[in-house]
C-alpha atoms as a PDB file:
ATOM      1  CA  MET A   1      -4.939  13.640  11.379  1.00  0.00           C
ATOM      2  CA  LYS A   2      -7.486  14.476   8.706  1.00  0.00           C
ATOM      3  CA  SER A   3      -7.773  12.797   5.323  1.00  0.00           C
ATOM      4  CA  ILE A   4      -5.535  14.018   2.507  1.00  0.00           C
ATOM      5  CA  ASP A   5      -6.738  14.187  -1.019  1.00  0.00           C
ATOM      6  CA  LEU A   6      -4.131  13.073  -3.480  1.00  0.00           C
ATOM      7  CA  GLY A   7      -3.939  14.419  -7.045  1.00  0.00           C
ATOM      8  CA  SER A   8      -4.744  10.925  -8.480  1.00  0.00           C
ATOM      9  CA  GLY A   9      -8.247  11.060  -6.946  1.00  0.00           C
ATOM     10  CA  ASP A  10      -7.213   8.854  -4.049  1.00  0.00           C
ATOM     11  CA  ARG A  11      -7.537   9.787  -0.403  1.00  0.00           C
ATOM     12  CA  VAL A  12      -5.176   8.982   2.448  1.00  0.00           C
ATOM     13  CA  HIS A  13      -5.990   8.863   6.183  1.00  0.00           C
ATOM     14  CA  ILE A  14      -3.300   8.659   8.836  1.00  0.00           C
ATOM     15  CA  THR A  15      -3.837   7.080  12.223  1.00  0.00           C
ATOM     16  CA  TRP A  16      -1.160   7.183  14.931  1.00  0.00           C
ATOM     17  CA  VAL A  17      -0.630   4.581  17.649  1.00  0.00           C
ATOM     18  CA  TYR A  18       1.653   5.211  20.587  1.00  0.00           C
ATOM     19  CA  ASN A  19       3.003   2.852  23.229  1.00  0.00           C
ATOM     20  CA  PRO A  20       5.319   4.805  25.545  1.00  0.00           C
ATOM     21  CA  LYS A  21       6.127   1.886  27.826  1.00  0.00           C
ATOM     22  CA  LYS A  22       7.512  -0.088  24.882  1.00  0.00           C
ATOM     23  CA  ARG A  23       8.830   3.127  23.203  1.00  0.00           C
ATOM     24  CA  ILE A  24       6.988   2.430  19.916  1.00  0.00           C
ATOM     25  CA  THR A  25       5.240   4.804  17.497  1.00  0.00           C
ATOM     26  CA  VAL A  26       3.192   3.384  14.557  1.00  0.00           C
ATOM     27  CA  ALA A  27       1.800   5.317  11.550  1.00  0.00           C
ATOM     28  CA  VAL A  28      -1.128   3.549   9.747  1.00  0.00           C
ATOM     29  CA  LEU A  29      -1.833   5.071   6.304  1.00  0.00           C
ATOM     30  CA  THR A  30      -5.204   3.938   4.850  1.00  0.00           C
ATOM     31  CA  LEU A  31      -5.357   4.635   1.150  1.00  0.00           C
ATOM     32  CA  TYR A  32      -8.858   4.882  -0.233  1.00  0.00           C
ATOM     33  CA  GLY A  33      -9.001   4.503  -4.054  1.00  0.00           C
ATOM     34  CA  ASN A  34     -11.259   2.798  -6.532  1.00  0.00           C
ATOM     35  CA  GLY A  35     -10.961  -0.632  -4.948  1.00  0.00           C
ATOM     36  CA  MET A  36     -10.652  -1.795  -1.361  1.00  0.00           C
ATOM     37  CA  PRO A  37      -8.808   0.322   1.149  1.00  0.00           C
ATOM     38  CA  LEU A  38      -5.089  -0.360   1.377  1.00  0.00           C
ATOM     39  CA  GLU A  39      -3.216   0.014   4.635  1.00  0.00           C
ATOM     40  CA  MET A  40       0.448   0.913   4.757  1.00  0.00           C
ATOM     41  CA  ILE A  41       2.211   0.662   8.149  1.00  0.00           C
ATOM     42  CA  GLY A  42       5.416   2.255   9.370  1.00  0.00           C
ATOM     43  CA  SER A  43       6.824   1.979  12.907  1.00  0.00           C
ATOM     44  CA  SER A  44       9.700   3.229  14.992  1.00  0.00           C
ATOM     45  CA  LYS A  45      11.147   2.060  18.298  1.00  0.00           C
ATOM     46  CA  ALA A  46      13.398   4.199  20.488  1.00  0.00           C
ATOM     47  CA  ALA A  47      16.515   2.525  21.773  1.00  0.00           C
ATOM     48  CA  ARG A  48      16.880   2.039  25.510  1.00  0.00           C
ATOM     49  CA  THR A  49      19.617   4.626  25.593  1.00  0.00           C
ATOM     50  CA  ASP A  50      17.457   7.215  23.722  1.00  0.00           C
ATOM     51  CA  GLU A  51      14.786   9.377  25.206  1.00  0.00           C
ATOM     52  CA  TRP A  52      11.342   8.480  23.679  1.00  0.00           C
ATOM     53  CA  ASP A  53      10.001  11.463  21.709  1.00  0.00           C
ATOM     54  CA  LYS A  54       6.642  11.458  19.952  1.00  0.00           C
ATOM     55  CA  ALA A  55       7.651  13.924  17.274  1.00  0.00           C
ATOM     56  CA  THR A  56      10.795  11.978  16.248  1.00  0.00           C
ATOM     57  CA  GLY A  57       8.832   8.710  16.325  1.00  0.00           C
ATOM     58  CA  ARG A  58       6.118  10.092  14.144  1.00  0.00           C
ATOM     59  CA  LYS A  59       8.504  11.383  11.469  1.00  0.00           C
ATOM     60  CA  LEU A  60      10.434   8.022  11.395  1.00  0.00           C
ATOM     61  CA  ALA A  61       7.187   5.960  11.285  1.00  0.00           C
ATOM     62  CA  LEU A  62       5.654   8.119   8.561  1.00  0.00           C
ATOM     63  CA  THR A  63       8.806   7.959   6.523  1.00  0.00           C
ATOM     64  CA  ARG A  64       8.593   4.173   6.603  1.00  0.00           C
ATOM     65  CA  ALA A  65       4.859   4.077   5.911  1.00  0.00           C
ATOM     66  CA  VAL A  66       4.996   6.369   2.839  1.00  0.00           C
ATOM     67  CA  ALA A  67       7.936   4.552   1.266  1.00  0.00           C
ATOM     68  CA  GLY A  68       5.710   2.664  -1.170  1.00  0.00           C
ATOM     69  CA  LEU A  69       3.855   5.709  -2.472  1.00  0.00           C
ATOM     70  CA  PRO A  70       4.835   7.595  -5.656  1.00  0.00           C
ATOM     71  CA  LYS A  71       7.008  10.707  -5.066  1.00  0.00           C
ATOM     72  CA  GLU A  72       4.242  13.273  -5.693  1.00  0.00           C
ATOM     73  CA  ASP A  73       1.921  11.430  -3.227  1.00  0.00           C
ATOM     74  CA  ARG A  74       4.666  11.356  -0.634  1.00  0.00           C
ATOM     75  CA  ARG A  75       5.245  15.086  -1.069  1.00  0.00           C
ATOM     76  CA  GLN A  76       1.506  15.810  -0.488  1.00  0.00           C
ATOM     77  CA  VAL A  77       1.449  13.605   2.611  1.00  0.00           C
ATOM     78  CA  TRP A  78       4.487  15.365   4.111  1.00  0.00           C
ATOM     79  CA  GLU A  79       3.076  18.771   3.192  1.00  0.00           C
ATOM     80  CA  ALA A  80      -0.171  17.932   5.006  1.00  0.00           C
ATOM     81  CA  TYR A  81       1.799  16.641   7.964  1.00  0.00           C
ATOM     82  CA  PHE A  82       3.792  19.809   8.362  1.00  0.00           C
ATOM     83  CA  ASN A  83       0.859  22.170   7.767  1.00  0.00           C
ATOM     84  CA  ARG A  84      -1.567  20.471  10.268  1.00  0.00           C
ATOM     85  CA  SER A  85      -3.057  22.675  13.005  1.00  0.00           C
ATOM     86  CA  PRO A  86      -1.870  22.273  16.614  1.00  0.00           C
ATOM     87  CA  LYS A  87      -4.051  20.470  19.161  1.00  0.00           C
ATOM     88  CA  GLY A  88      -2.188  21.338  22.300  1.00  0.00           C
ATOM     89  CA  PRO A  89       1.026  22.837  23.792  1.00  0.00           C
ATOM     90  CA  ARG A  90       3.260  19.889  22.919  1.00  0.00           C
ATOM     91  CA  TYR A  91       1.641  18.915  19.607  1.00  0.00           C
ATOM     92  CA  LEU A  92       4.299  18.823  17.019  1.00  0.00           C
END
């Protein structure tokens, strides 16, 4: 996902990590501001009884990763997430 410019002058870049065998999805938010980059991590793990789904895992992992951001910054991150352009037939 591309970088997101926040209103405060900071920039956020989101990286996704998937491990289907372990049923894990991780969202890594790198916040670039005036100082050193700050990484915020959120993860999700599907239960054995659940079907592993990338879209559901991404949403849950992103929810956990943005929990420490101010409300307006979270809104901008979610807006960018839902307005991103598709990369393939199953891209959600």
